[in-house]
Amino acid sequence: MMGMLLAAGFAAKIKNTLFNFSLLALLFFMGVSLGKDRDILSKIADFGIISGIMSVSVVIFSIIGVLIITKLFKKAER
């Protein structure tokens, strides 16, 4: 019954607004928690090194995974 009374796309607009508000709130509170940390400058170098290692390992293992999957599918086609 309510679907007939509400405008088309009404739920999508509410969902998008709620998502945007939640994202802004998350970013705000993360900024506040980072701003309260007095040792953040010394931790940034550690974060950078760890982030670099993680991103390189993700790329390497993604390539390995794609190679394995393509070899498996090529064998299945024959």
PDB file of N, CA and C in Angstrom:
ATOM      1  N   MET A   1       0.823  -1.193   0.000  1.00  0.00           N
ATOM      2  CA  MET A   1       0.000   0.000   0.000  1.00  0.00           C
ATOM      3  C   MET A   1       0.867   1.257   0.000  1.00  0.00           C
ATOM      4  N   MET A   2       1.929   1.252   0.823  1.00  0.00           N
ATOM      5  CA  MET A   2       2.795   2.438   0.903  1.00  0.00           C
ATOM      6  C   MET A   2       3.546   2.653  -0.407  1.00  0.00           C
ATOM      7  N   GLY A   3       3.827   1.577  -1.142  1.00  0.00           N
ATOM      8  CA  GLY A   3       4.511   1.697  -2.413  1.00  0.00           C
ATOM      9  C   GLY A   3       3.709   2.496  -3.426  1.00  0.00           C
ATOM     10  N   MET A   4       2.425   2.454  -3.304  1.00  0.00           N
ATOM     11  CA  MET A   4       1.566   3.210  -4.217  1.00  0.00           C
ATOM     12  C   MET A   4       1.529   4.690  -3.843  1.00  0.00           C
ATOM     13  N   LEU A   5       1.715   4.981  -2.576  1.00  0.00           N
ATOM     14  CA  LEU A   5       1.622   6.363  -2.118  1.00  0.00           C
ATOM     15  C   LEU A   5       2.934   7.129  -2.260  1.00  0.00           C
ATOM     16  N   LEU A   6       4.050   6.425  -2.217  1.00  0.00           N
ATOM     17  CA  LEU A   6       5.354   7.075  -2.285  1.00  0.00           C
ATOM     18  C   LEU A   6       5.780   7.265  -3.731  1.00  0.00           C
ATOM     19  N   ALA A   7       6.537   8.319  -3.973  1.00  0.00           N
ATOM     20  CA  ALA A   7       7.026   8.594  -5.322  1.00  0.00           C
ATOM     21  C   ALA A   7       8.051   7.539  -5.733  1.00  0.00           C
ATOM     22  N   ALA A   8       8.153   7.324  -7.033  1.00  0.00           N
ATOM     23  CA  ALA A   8       9.124   6.357  -7.547  1.00  0.00           C
ATOM     24  C   ALA A   8      10.536   6.815  -7.201  1.00  0.00           C
ATOM     25  N   GLY A   9      11.349   5.897  -6.733  1.00  0.00           N
ATOM     26  CA  GLY A   9      12.726   6.232  -6.377  1.00  0.00           C
ATOM     27  C   GLY A   9      12.872   6.839  -5.001  1.00  0.00           C
ATOM     28  N   PHE A  10      11.803   6.887  -4.235  1.00  0.00           N
ATOM     29  CA  PHE A  10      11.855   7.503  -2.905  1.00  0.00           C
ATOM     30  C   PHE A  10      12.814   6.749  -1.988  1.00  0.00           C
ATOM     31  N   ALA A  11      12.739   5.418  -2.003  1.00  0.00           N
ATOM     32  CA  ALA A  11      13.610   4.617  -1.141  1.00  0.00           C
ATOM     33  C   ALA A  11      15.066   4.768  -1.562  1.00  0.00           C
ATOM     34  N   ALA A  12      15.318   4.887  -2.858  1.00  0.00           N
ATOM     35  CA  ALA A  12      16.699   5.044  -3.335  1.00  0.00           C
ATOM     36  C   ALA A  12      17.272   6.372  -2.860  1.00  0.00           C
ATOM     37  N   LYS A  13      16.465   7.415  -2.846  1.00  0.00           N
ATOM     38  CA  LYS A  13      16.939   8.720  -2.378  1.00  0.00           C
ATOM     39  C   LYS A  13      17.277   8.668  -0.895  1.00  0.00           C
ATOM     40  N   ILE A  14      16.429   8.004  -0.116  1.00  0.00           N
ATOM     41  CA  ILE A  14      16.694   7.872   1.326  1.00  0.00           C
ATOM     42  C   ILE A  14      17.958   7.056   1.546  1.00  0.00           C
ATOM     43  N   LYS A  15      18.102   5.973   0.794  1.00  0.00           N
ATOM     44  CA  LYS A  15      19.284   5.109   0.936  1.00  0.00           C
ATOM     45  C   LYS A  15      20.558   5.878   0.591  1.00  0.00           C
ATOM     46  N   ASN A  16      20.539   6.637  -0.488  1.00  0.00           N
ATOM     47  CA  ASN A  16      21.715   7.414  -0.880  1.00  0.00           C
ATOM     48  C   ASN A  16      22.046   8.481   0.145  1.00  0.00           C
ATOM     49  N   THR A  17      21.029   9.151   0.665  1.00  0.00           N
ATOM     50  CA  THR A  17      21.248  10.179   1.685  1.00  0.00           C
ATOM     51  C   THR A  17      21.818   9.559   2.953  1.00  0.00           C
ATOM     52  N   LEU A  18      21.262   8.435   3.372  1.00  0.00           N
ATOM     53  CA  LEU A  18      21.756   7.749   4.568  1.00  0.00           C
ATOM     54  C   LEU A  18      23.190   7.276   4.379  1.00  0.00           C
ATOM     55  N   PHE A  19      23.502   6.742   3.198  1.00  0.00           N
ATOM     56  CA  PHE A  19      24.859   6.289   2.910  1.00  0.00           C
ATOM     57  C   PHE A  19      25.834   7.461   2.960  1.00  0.00           C
ATOM     58  N   ASN A  20      25.497   8.578   2.319  1.00  0.00           N
ATOM     59  CA  ASN A  20      26.377   9.741   2.320  1.00  0.00           C
ATOM     60  C   ASN A  20      26.586  10.295   3.721  1.00  0.00           C
ATOM     61  N   PHE A  21      25.517  10.368   4.497  1.00  0.00           N
ATOM     62  CA  PHE A  21      25.637  10.854   5.870  1.00  0.00           C
ATOM     63  C   PHE A  21      26.513   9.923   6.707  1.00  0.00           C
ATOM     64  N   SER A  22      26.319   8.616   6.558  1.00  0.00           N
ATOM     65  CA  SER A  22      27.120   7.647   7.315  1.00  0.00           C
ATOM     66  C   SER A  22      28.595   7.741   6.944  1.00  0.00           C
ATOM     67  N   LEU A  23      28.876   7.906   5.655  1.00  0.00           N
ATOM     68  CA  LEU A  23      30.255   8.030   5.202  1.00  0.00           C
ATOM     69  C   LEU A  23      30.908   9.297   5.756  1.00  0.00           C
ATOM     70  N   LEU A  24      30.192  10.401   5.733  1.00  0.00           N
ATOM     71  CA  LEU A  24      30.735  11.639   6.287  1.00  0.00           C
ATOM     72  C   LEU A  24      30.966  11.523   7.789  1.00  0.00           C
ATOM     73  N   ALA A  25      30.042  10.879   8.501  1.00  0.00           N
ATOM     74  CA  ALA A  25      30.208  10.687   9.939  1.00  0.00           C
ATOM     75  C   ALA A  25      31.422   9.814  10.235  1.00  0.00           C
ATOM     76  N   LEU A  26      31.594   8.744   9.456  1.00  0.00           N
ATOM     77  CA  LEU A  26      32.747   7.863   9.639  1.00  0.00           C
ATOM     78  C   LEU A  26      34.050   8.620   9.421  1.00  0.00           C
ATOM     79  N   LEU A  27      34.126   9.392   8.342  1.00  0.00           N
ATOM     80  CA  LEU A  27      35.331  10.175   8.067  1.00  0.00           C
ATOM     81  C   LEU A  27      35.583  11.211   9.157  1.00  0.00           C
ATOM     82  N   PHE A  28      34.536  11.838   9.633  1.00  0.00           N
ATOM     83  CA  PHE A  28      34.689  12.836  10.696  1.00  0.00           C
ATOM     84  C   PHE A  28      35.253  12.206  11.963  1.00  0.00           C
ATOM     85  N   PHE A  29      34.647  11.100  12.400  1.00  0.00           N
ATOM     86  CA  PHE A  29      35.098  10.486  13.650  1.00  0.00           C
ATOM     87  C   PHE A  29      36.480   9.855  13.519  1.00  0.00           C
ATOM     88  N   MET A  30      36.823   9.359  12.337  1.00  0.00           N
ATOM     89  CA  MET A  30      38.186   8.870  12.137  1.00  0.00           C
ATOM     90  C   MET A  30      39.174  10.029  12.217  1.00  0.00           C
ATOM     91  N   GLY A  31      38.816  11.173  11.643  1.00  0.00           N
ATOM     92  CA  GLY A  31      39.673  12.350  11.720  1.00  0.00           C
ATOM     93  C   GLY A  31      39.856  12.824  13.144  1.00  0.00           C
ATOM     94  N   VAL A  32      38.780  12.788  13.920  1.00  0.00           N
ATOM     95  CA  VAL A  32      38.867  13.194  15.319  1.00  0.00           C
ATOM     96  C   VAL A  32      39.785  12.255  16.091  1.00  0.00           C
ATOM     97  N   SER A  33      39.629  10.956  15.875  1.00  0.00           N
ATOM     98  CA  SER A  33      40.465  10.006  16.616  1.00  0.00           C
ATOM     99  C   SER A  33      41.932  10.116  16.197  1.00  0.00           C
ATOM    100  N   LEU A  34      42.188  10.376  14.919  1.00  0.00           N
ATOM    101  CA  LEU A  34      43.573  10.570  14.486  1.00  0.00           C
ATOM    102  C   LEU A  34      44.131  11.885  15.022  1.00  0.00           C
ATOM    103  N   GLY A  35      43.302  12.912  15.072  1.00  0.00           N
ATOM    104  CA  GLY A  35      43.755  14.206  15.568  1.00  0.00           C
ATOM    105  C   GLY A  35      44.091  14.201  17.049  1.00  0.00           C
ATOM    106  N   LYS A  36      43.450  13.323  17.805  1.00  0.00           N
ATOM    107  CA  LYS A  36      43.724  13.234  19.244  1.00  0.00           C
ATOM    108  C   LYS A  36      45.027  12.521  19.546  1.00  0.00           C
ATOM    109  N   ASP A  37      45.542  11.741  18.603  1.00  0.00           N
ATOM    110  CA  ASP A  37      46.759  10.959  18.808  1.00  0.00           C
ATOM    111  C   ASP A  37      47.985  11.862  18.648  1.00  0.00           C
ATOM    112  N   ARG A  38      48.730  12.033  19.724  1.00  0.00           N
ATOM    113  CA  ARG A  38      49.897  12.913  19.704  1.00  0.00           C
ATOM    114  C   ARG A  38      51.090  12.287  18.977  1.00  0.00           C
ATOM    115  N   ASP A  39      51.121  10.981  18.872  1.00  0.00           N
ATOM    116  CA  ASP A  39      52.243  10.283  18.245  1.00  0.00           C
ATOM    117  C   ASP A  39      51.959   9.918  16.787  1.00  0.00           C
ATOM    118  N   ILE A  40      51.006  10.579  16.171  1.00  0.00           N
ATOM    119  CA  ILE A  40      50.600  10.192  14.812  1.00  0.00           C
ATOM    120  C   ILE A  40      51.716  10.406  13.793  1.00  0.00           C
ATOM    121  N   LEU A  41      52.512  11.444  13.962  1.00  0.00           N
ATOM    122  CA  LEU A  41      53.575  11.702  12.992  1.00  0.00           C
ATOM    123  C   LEU A  41      54.622  10.592  12.982  1.00  0.00           C
ATOM    124  N   SER A  42      54.907  10.039  14.148  1.00  0.00           N
ATOM    125  CA  SER A  42      55.877   8.944  14.193  1.00  0.00           C
ATOM    126  C   SER A  42      55.280   7.647  13.649  1.00  0.00           C
ATOM    127  N   LYS A  43      53.969   7.515  13.720  1.00  0.00           N
ATOM    128  CA  LYS A  43      53.310   6.305  13.234  1.00  0.00           C
ATOM    129  C   LYS A  43      53.087   6.337  11.724  1.00  0.00           C
ATOM    130  N   ILE A  44      53.084   7.521  11.109  1.00  0.00           N
ATOM    131  CA  ILE A  44      52.798   7.629   9.682  1.00  0.00           C
ATOM    132  C   ILE A  44      53.837   6.870   8.859  1.00  0.00           C
ATOM    133  N   ALA A  45      55.096   6.942   9.247  1.00  0.00           N
ATOM    134  CA  ALA A  45      56.144   6.216   8.513  1.00  0.00           C
ATOM    135  C   ALA A  45      55.894   4.712   8.569  1.00  0.00           C
ATOM    136  N   ASP A  46      55.491   4.209   9.739  1.00  0.00           N
ATOM    137  CA  ASP A  46      55.186   2.780   9.863  1.00  0.00           C
ATOM    138  C   ASP A  46      53.985   2.406   9.001  1.00  0.00           C
ATOM    139  N   PHE A  47      52.973   3.240   8.994  1.00  0.00           N
ATOM    140  CA  PHE A  47      51.790   2.982   8.175  1.00  0.00           C
ATOM    141  C   PHE A  47      52.166   2.945   6.701  1.00  0.00           C
ATOM    142  N   GLY A  48      53.033   3.832   6.282  1.00  0.00           N
ATOM    143  CA  GLY A  48      53.438   3.886   4.880  1.00  0.00           C
ATOM    144  C   GLY A  48      54.161   2.634   4.442  1.00  0.00           C
ATOM    145  N   ILE A  49      55.072   2.158   5.280  1.00  0.00           N
ATOM    146  CA  ILE A  49      55.827   0.943   4.955  1.00  0.00           C
ATOM    147  C   ILE A  49      54.895  -0.262   4.896  1.00  0.00           C
ATOM    148  N   ILE A  50      54.033  -0.392   5.891  1.00  0.00           N
ATOM    149  CA  ILE A  50      53.093  -1.520   5.923  1.00  0.00           C
ATOM    150  C   ILE A  50      52.143  -1.453   4.730  1.00  0.00           C
ATOM    151  N   SER A  51      51.647  -0.264   4.410  1.00  0.00           N
ATOM    152  CA  SER A  51      50.745  -0.113   3.266  1.00  0.00           C
ATOM    153  C   SER A  51      51.437  -0.484   1.960  1.00  0.00           C
ATOM    154  N   GLY A  52      52.682  -0.094   1.813  1.00  0.00           N
ATOM    155  CA  GLY A  52      53.428  -0.442   0.611  1.00  0.00           C
ATOM    156  C   GLY A  52      53.623  -1.935   0.472  1.00  0.00           C
ATOM    157  N   ILE A  53      53.982  -2.581   1.557  1.00  0.00           N
ATOM    158  CA  ILE A  53      54.170  -4.035   1.535  1.00  0.00           C
ATOM    159  C   ILE A  53      52.862  -4.743   1.212  1.00  0.00           C
ATOM    160  N   MET A  54      51.779  -4.298   1.823  1.00  0.00           N
ATOM    161  CA  MET A  54      50.482  -4.935   1.579  1.00  0.00           C
ATOM    162  C   MET A  54      50.031  -4.742   0.134  1.00  0.00           C
ATOM    163  N   SER A  55      50.194  -3.546  -0.406  1.00  0.00           N
ATOM    164  CA  SER A  55      49.730  -3.304  -1.773  1.00  0.00           C
ATOM    165  C   SER A  55      50.553  -4.103  -2.788  1.00  0.00           C
ATOM    166  N   VAL A  56      51.851  -4.188  -2.574  1.00  0.00           N
ATOM    167  CA  VAL A  56      52.690  -4.983  -3.486  1.00  0.00           C
ATOM    168  C   VAL A  56      52.323  -6.460  -3.396  1.00  0.00           C
ATOM    169  N   SER A  57      52.082  -6.961  -2.193  1.00  0.00           N
ATOM    170  CA  SER A  57      51.727  -8.372  -2.053  1.00  0.00           C
ATOM    171  C   SER A  57      50.361  -8.665  -2.667  1.00  0.00           C
ATOM    172  N   VAL A  58      49.421  -7.734  -2.557  1.00  0.00           N
ATOM    173  CA  VAL A  58      48.107  -7.932  -3.177  1.00  0.00           C
ATOM    174  C   VAL A  58      48.243  -8.012  -4.691  1.00  0.00           C
ATOM    175  N   VAL A  59      49.047  -7.141  -5.268  1.00  0.00           N
ATOM    176  CA  VAL A  59      49.242  -7.153  -6.722  1.00  0.00           C
ATOM    177  C   VAL A  59      49.899  -8.458  -7.158  1.00  0.00           C
ATOM    178  N   ILE A  60      50.933  -8.873  -6.456  1.00  0.00           N
ATOM    179  CA  ILE A  60      51.649 -10.102  -6.825  1.00  0.00           C
ATOM    180  C   ILE A  60      50.737 -11.321  -6.736  1.00  0.00           C
ATOM    181  N   PHE A  61      50.004 -11.458  -5.619  1.00  0.00           N
ATOM    182  CA  PHE A  61      49.139 -12.625  -5.461  1.00  0.00           C
ATOM    183  C   PHE A  61      47.932 -12.573  -6.383  1.00  0.00           C
ATOM    184  N   SER A  62      47.479 -11.388  -6.752  1.00  0.00           N
ATOM    185  CA  SER A  62      46.396 -11.283  -7.736  1.00  0.00           C
ATOM    186  C   SER A  62      46.859 -11.774  -9.093  1.00  0.00           C
ATOM    187  N   ILE A  63      48.049 -11.399  -9.485  1.00  0.00           N
ATOM    188  CA  ILE A  63      48.597 -11.857 -10.766  1.00  0.00           C
ATOM    189  C   ILE A  63      48.772 -13.371 -10.747  1.00  0.00           C
ATOM    190  N   ILE A  64      49.304 -13.895  -9.664  1.00  0.00           N
ATOM    191  CA  ILE A  64      49.480 -15.348  -9.549  1.00  0.00           C
ATOM    192  C   ILE A  64      48.130 -16.059  -9.614  1.00  0.00           C
ATOM    193  N   GLY A  65      47.129 -15.521  -8.931  1.00  0.00           N
ATOM    194  CA  GLY A  65      45.795 -16.122  -8.958  1.00  0.00           C
ATOM    195  C   GLY A  65      45.181 -16.116 -10.341  1.00  0.00           C
ATOM    196  N   VAL A  66      45.331 -15.016 -11.054  1.00  0.00           N
ATOM    197  CA  VAL A  66      44.793 -14.928 -12.422  1.00  0.00           C
ATOM    198  C   VAL A  66      45.498 -15.921 -13.323  1.00  0.00           C
ATOM    199  N   LEU A  67      46.812 -16.048 -13.204  1.00  0.00           N
ATOM    200  CA  LEU A  67      47.547 -17.005 -14.025  1.00  0.00           C
ATOM    201  C   LEU A  67      47.091 -18.437 -13.763  1.00  0.00           C
ATOM    202  N   ILE A  68      46.888 -18.772 -12.505  1.00  0.00           N
ATOM    203  CA  ILE A  68      46.436 -20.126 -12.154  1.00  0.00           C
ATOM    204  C   ILE A  68      45.044 -20.390 -12.705  1.00  0.00           C
ATOM    205  N   ILE A  69      44.139 -19.435 -12.535  1.00  0.00           N
ATOM    206  CA  ILE A  69      42.760 -19.623 -12.997  1.00  0.00           C
ATOM    207  C   ILE A  69      42.703 -19.720 -14.518  1.00  0.00           C
ATOM    208  N   THR A  70      43.464 -18.882 -15.210  1.00  0.00           N
ATOM    209  CA  THR A  70      43.440 -18.960 -16.676  1.00  0.00           C
ATOM    210  C   THR A  70      44.015 -20.289 -17.171  1.00  0.00           C
ATOM    211  N   LYS A  71      45.030 -20.803 -16.512  1.00  0.00           N
ATOM    212  CA  LYS A  71      45.571 -22.109 -16.911  1.00  0.00           C
ATOM    213  C   LYS A  71      44.556 -23.220 -16.659  1.00  0.00           C
ATOM    214  N   LEU A  72      43.814 -23.143 -15.567  1.00  0.00           N
ATOM    215  CA  LEU A  72      42.797 -24.152 -15.276  1.00  0.00           C
ATOM    216  C   LEU A  72      41.676 -24.111 -16.309  1.00  0.00           C
ATOM    217  N   PHE A  73      41.237 -22.915 -16.695  1.00  0.00           N
ATOM    218  CA  PHE A  73      40.156 -22.815 -17.671  1.00  0.00           C
ATOM    219  C   PHE A  73      40.618 -23.200 -19.068  1.00  0.00           C
ATOM    220  N   LYS A  74      41.863 -22.942 -19.395  1.00  0.00           N
ATOM    221  CA  LYS A  74      42.367 -23.352 -20.702  1.00  0.00           C
ATOM    222  C   LYS A  74      42.434 -24.870 -20.804  1.00  0.00           C
ATOM    223  N   LYS A  75      42.791 -25.534 -19.691  1.00  0.00           N
ATOM    224  CA  LYS A  75      42.803 -26.994 -19.687  1.00  0.00           C
ATOM    225  C   LYS A  75      41.394 -27.542 -19.817  1.00  0.00           C
ATOM    226  N   ALA A  76      40.421 -26.890 -19.218  1.00  0.00           N
ATOM    227  CA  ALA A  76      39.035 -27.355 -19.263  1.00  0.00           C
ATOM    228  C   ALA A  76      38.450 -27.206 -20.652  1.00  0.00           C
ATOM    229  N   GLU A  77      38.905 -26.216 -21.435  1.00  0.00           N
ATOM    230  CA  GLU A  77      38.385 -26.002 -22.786  1.00  0.00           C
ATOM    231  C   GLU A  77      38.861 -27.086 -23.746  1.00  0.00           C
ATOM    232  N   ARG A  78      40.006 -27.633 -23.534  1.00  0.00           N
ATOM    233  CA  ARG A  78      40.582 -28.619 -24.460  1.00  0.00           C
ATOM    234  C   ARG A  78      39.925 -29.942 -24.329  1.00  0.00           C
TER     235      ARG A  78
END
